[in-house]
Amino acid sequence: MEKSADQIANSQQIKLTIGLKIFTLTLLENKTVTAFKKKLPLEIYLIELNANEKYAQLNESLPVDASIPKKIQVGDLKLFGDHTIVLFYKSFSTSYAYTDIGFIEESNDLQDALGGGNIMVRFELLNN
């Protein structure tokens, strides 16, 4: 995900808890993120897909501003369509369009924490 200085200048962070492991996810600034933050804290079951991502269907649609990224990066959190959040744990090229939500910079242990199957995770805002 290419992150512009404007998108991350005043960004807020999310605590992502996966089992006993905690990751810090930096949110971008857009309408999708504003709507997503209103759903937090959120405990949700992520479903394994394609051996590179986990996804979950939200109960309500979020605003969309989708584009095709040059490359998906490990730790990217994106919206597919208008109500599917996707957390990527491998980097790869794609032809699908997503709306950016945020990213985990320190994602070295993300794949191990997520494991090979479906998993419950918790997203909650960190106080900035």
C-alpha atoms as a PDB file:
ATOM      1  CA  MET A   1       0.000   0.000   0.000  1.00  0.00           C
ATOM      2  CA  GLU A   2       1.407   3.381  -0.882  1.00  0.00           C
ATOM      3  CA  LYS A   3       0.788   5.674   2.041  1.00  0.00           C
ATOM      4  CA  SER A   4       0.798   9.407   1.463  1.00  0.00           C
ATOM      5  CA  ALA A   5       2.071  11.800   4.119  1.00  0.00           C
ATOM      6  CA  ASP A   6      -1.437  13.305   4.341  1.00  0.00           C
ATOM      7  CA  GLN A   7      -2.992   9.911   5.032  1.00  0.00           C
ATOM      8  CA  ILE A   8      -0.720   9.101   7.974  1.00  0.00           C
ATOM      9  CA  ALA A   9       0.084  12.582   9.343  1.00  0.00           C
ATOM     10  CA  ASN A  10      -2.590  12.515  12.054  1.00  0.00           C
ATOM     11  CA  SER A  11      -3.218   8.811  12.054  1.00  0.00           C
ATOM     12  CA  GLN A  12      -4.635   6.905  14.954  1.00  0.00           C
ATOM     13  CA  GLN A  13      -3.663   3.409  15.956  1.00  0.00           C
ATOM     14  CA  ILE A  14      -5.519   0.215  16.720  1.00  0.00           C
ATOM     15  CA  LYS A  15      -4.483  -2.532  19.070  1.00  0.00           C
ATOM     16  CA  LEU A  16      -4.959  -5.840  17.254  1.00  0.00           C
ATOM     17  CA  THR A  17      -5.024  -8.819  19.597  1.00  0.00           C
ATOM     18  CA  ILE A  18      -4.537 -12.284  18.127  1.00  0.00           C
ATOM     19  CA  GLY A  19      -4.449 -14.859  20.905  1.00  0.00           C
ATOM     20  CA  LEU A  20      -1.676 -13.688  23.258  1.00  0.00           C
ATOM     21  CA  LYS A  21       0.066 -11.618  20.561  1.00  0.00           C
ATOM     22  CA  ILE A  22      -0.576  -7.873  20.192  1.00  0.00           C
ATOM     23  CA  PHE A  23       0.080  -5.824  17.048  1.00  0.00           C
ATOM     24  CA  THR A  24      -0.239  -2.082  16.493  1.00  0.00           C
ATOM     25  CA  LEU A  25      -2.131  -1.157  13.368  1.00  0.00           C
ATOM     26  CA  THR A  26      -1.816   2.399  12.008  1.00  0.00           C
ATOM     27  CA  LEU A  27      -5.044   3.723  10.532  1.00  0.00           C
ATOM     28  CA  LEU A  28      -5.157   5.915   7.451  1.00  0.00           C
ATOM     29  CA  GLU A  29      -7.421   8.941   7.221  1.00  0.00           C
ATOM     30  CA  ASN A  30     -10.464   8.433   5.026  1.00  0.00           C
ATOM     31  CA  LYS A  31     -14.247   7.981   5.282  1.00  0.00           C
ATOM     32  CA  THR A  32     -13.906   4.218   5.474  1.00  0.00           C
ATOM     33  CA  VAL A  33     -11.652   4.453   8.517  1.00  0.00           C
ATOM     34  CA  THR A  34     -13.958   6.980  10.199  1.00  0.00           C
ATOM     35  CA  ALA A  35     -16.851   4.525   9.851  1.00  0.00           C
ATOM     36  CA  PHE A  36     -14.695   1.528  10.868  1.00  0.00           C
ATOM     37  CA  LYS A  37     -13.559   3.257  14.085  1.00  0.00           C
ATOM     38  CA  LYS A  38     -17.209   3.640  15.140  1.00  0.00           C
ATOM     39  CA  LYS A  39     -17.456  -0.170  15.222  1.00  0.00           C
ATOM     40  CA  LEU A  40     -14.581  -0.507  17.702  1.00  0.00           C
ATOM     41  CA  PRO A  41     -13.940  -2.330  19.900  1.00  0.00           C
ATOM     42  CA  LEU A  42     -14.685  -5.237  17.590  1.00  0.00           C
ATOM     43  CA  GLU A  43     -14.100  -8.904  18.237  1.00  0.00           C
ATOM     44  CA  ILE A  44     -14.485 -10.804  14.990  1.00  0.00           C
ATOM     45  CA  TYR A  45     -13.828 -14.228  13.516  1.00  0.00           C
ATOM     46  CA  LEU A  46     -11.398 -14.054  10.578  1.00  0.00           C
ATOM     47  CA  ILE A  47     -11.719 -16.748   7.911  1.00  0.00           C
ATOM     48  CA  GLU A  48      -8.681 -18.134   6.080  1.00  0.00           C
ATOM     49  CA  LEU A  49      -8.510 -17.503   2.316  1.00  0.00           C
ATOM     50  CA  ASN A  50      -5.871 -18.290  -0.334  1.00  0.00           C
ATOM     51  CA  ALA A  51      -3.099 -18.998   2.218  1.00  0.00           C
ATOM     52  CA  ASN A  52      -2.276 -15.255   2.259  1.00  0.00           C
ATOM     53  CA  GLU A  53      -5.181 -13.465   3.945  1.00  0.00           C
ATOM     54  CA  LYS A  54      -7.945 -13.625   6.527  1.00  0.00           C
ATOM     55  CA  TYR A  55     -11.304 -11.923   6.065  1.00  0.00           C
ATOM     56  CA  ALA A  56     -14.554 -11.192   7.879  1.00  0.00           C
ATOM     57  CA  GLN A  57     -17.947  -9.885   6.814  1.00  0.00           C
ATOM     58  CA  LEU A  58     -19.120  -6.826   8.731  1.00  0.00           C
ATOM     59  CA  ASN A  59     -22.805  -6.453   9.624  1.00  0.00           C
ATOM     60  CA  GLU A  60     -23.011  -3.048   7.935  1.00  0.00           C
ATOM     61  CA  SER A  61     -21.501  -1.493   4.822  1.00  0.00           C
ATOM     62  CA  LEU A  62     -18.655   1.012   5.050  1.00  0.00           C
ATOM     63  CA  PRO A  63     -17.932   3.884   2.634  1.00  0.00           C
ATOM     64  CA  VAL A  64     -15.848   2.733  -0.336  1.00  0.00           C
ATOM     65  CA  ASP A  65     -13.034   4.409  -2.266  1.00  0.00           C
ATOM     66  CA  ALA A  66     -11.528   1.346  -3.906  1.00  0.00           C
ATOM     67  CA  SER A  67      -8.480   1.175  -6.133  1.00  0.00           C
ATOM     68  CA  ILE A  68      -6.207  -1.589  -7.359  1.00  0.00           C
ATOM     69  CA  PRO A  69      -2.984  -1.496  -5.311  1.00  0.00           C
ATOM     70  CA  LYS A  70       0.328  -2.092  -7.021  1.00  0.00           C
ATOM     71  CA  LYS A  71       1.087  -4.723  -4.416  1.00  0.00           C
ATOM     72  CA  ILE A  72      -0.470  -6.080  -1.241  1.00  0.00           C
ATOM     73  CA  GLN A  73       1.949  -5.872   1.687  1.00  0.00           C
ATOM     74  CA  VAL A  74       2.148  -8.069   4.780  1.00  0.00           C
ATOM     75  CA  GLY A  75       0.105  -6.375   7.500  1.00  0.00           C
ATOM     76  CA  ASP A  76      -2.259  -4.450   5.212  1.00  0.00           C
ATOM     77  CA  LEU A  77      -5.844  -4.101   6.449  1.00  0.00           C
ATOM     78  CA  LYS A  78      -8.227  -3.339   3.592  1.00  0.00           C
ATOM     79  CA  LEU A  79     -11.903  -3.308   2.742  1.00  0.00           C
ATOM     80  CA  PHE A  80     -13.072  -5.513  -0.132  1.00  0.00           C
ATOM     81  CA  GLY A  81     -16.427  -4.467  -1.516  1.00  0.00           C
ATOM     82  CA  ASP A  82     -18.333  -2.489   1.092  1.00  0.00           C
ATOM     83  CA  HIS A  83     -18.427  -4.843   4.088  1.00  0.00           C
ATOM     84  CA  THR A  84     -15.536  -7.323   3.987  1.00  0.00           C
ATOM     85  CA  ILE A  85     -12.407  -6.497   5.953  1.00  0.00           C
ATOM     86  CA  VAL A  86      -9.265  -8.311   4.888  1.00  0.00           C
ATOM     87  CA  LEU A  87      -6.026  -8.696   6.842  1.00  0.00           C
ATOM     88  CA  PHE A  88      -3.120  -9.804   4.654  1.00  0.00           C
ATOM     89  CA  TYR A  89      -0.260 -11.865   6.091  1.00  0.00           C
ATOM     90  CA  LYS A  90       1.711 -12.335   2.849  1.00  0.00           C
ATOM     91  CA  SER A  91       2.790  -9.872   0.152  1.00  0.00           C
ATOM     92  CA  PHE A  92       1.675 -10.432  -3.454  1.00  0.00           C
ATOM     93  CA  SER A  93       0.448  -8.694  -6.606  1.00  0.00           C
ATOM     94  CA  THR A  94      -3.310  -8.470  -7.186  1.00  0.00           C
ATOM     95  CA  SER A  95      -5.849  -7.345  -9.750  1.00  0.00           C
ATOM     96  CA  TYR A  96      -8.603  -6.858  -7.148  1.00  0.00           C
ATOM     97  CA  ALA A  97      -9.701  -3.429  -5.910  1.00  0.00           C
ATOM     98  CA  TYR A  98      -9.660  -2.556  -2.208  1.00  0.00           C
ATOM     99  CA  THR A  99     -10.213   0.455   0.030  1.00  0.00           C
ATOM    100  CA  ASP A 100      -7.287   1.122   2.377  1.00  0.00           C
ATOM    101  CA  ILE A 101      -7.921   1.026   6.124  1.00  0.00           C
ATOM    102  CA  GLY A 102      -4.455   0.711   7.667  1.00  0.00           C
ATOM    103  CA  PHE A 103      -1.285  -1.304   8.079  1.00  0.00           C
ATOM    104  CA  ILE A 104       0.902  -3.082  10.625  1.00  0.00           C
ATOM    105  CA  GLU A 105       4.514  -1.946  10.314  1.00  0.00           C
ATOM    106  CA  GLU A 106       5.982  -4.574  12.642  1.00  0.00           C
ATOM    107  CA  SER A 107       4.346  -7.585  11.002  1.00  0.00           C
ATOM    108  CA  ASN A 108       7.159 -10.162  11.214  1.00  0.00           C
ATOM    109  CA  ASP A 109       5.190 -12.491  13.524  1.00  0.00           C
ATOM    110  CA  LEU A 110       1.777 -11.859  11.946  1.00  0.00           C
ATOM    111  CA  GLN A 111       1.587 -15.067   9.906  1.00  0.00           C
ATOM    112  CA  ASP A 112       2.608 -17.201  12.891  1.00  0.00           C
ATOM    113  CA  ALA A 113       0.096 -15.452  15.163  1.00  0.00           C
ATOM    114  CA  LEU A 114      -2.755 -15.931  12.683  1.00  0.00           C
ATOM    115  CA  GLY A 115      -1.955 -19.597  12.056  1.00  0.00           C
ATOM    116  CA  GLY A 116      -3.302 -21.659   9.193  1.00  0.00           C
ATOM    117  CA  GLY A 117      -7.025 -21.655   9.940  1.00  0.00           C
ATOM    118  CA  ASN A 118      -9.828 -19.380  11.037  1.00  0.00           C
ATOM    119  CA  ILE A 119      -9.214 -17.293  14.159  1.00  0.00           C
ATOM    120  CA  MET A 120     -10.872 -14.834  16.540  1.00  0.00           C
ATOM    121  CA  VAL A 121      -9.216 -11.393  16.747  1.00  0.00           C
ATOM    122  CA  ARG A 122      -9.950  -8.141  18.577  1.00  0.00           C
ATOM    123  CA  PHE A 123      -9.580  -4.611  17.190  1.00  0.00           C
ATOM    124  CA  GLU A 124      -9.646  -1.700  19.638  1.00  0.00           C
ATOM    125  CA  LEU A 125      -8.567   1.922  19.466  1.00  0.00           C
ATOM    126  CA  LEU A 126      -5.423   2.989  21.249  1.00  0.00           C
ATOM    127  CA  ASN A 127      -5.658   6.360  22.957  1.00  0.00           C
ATOM    128  CA  ASN A 128      -3.592   8.944  21.086  1.00  0.00           C
END
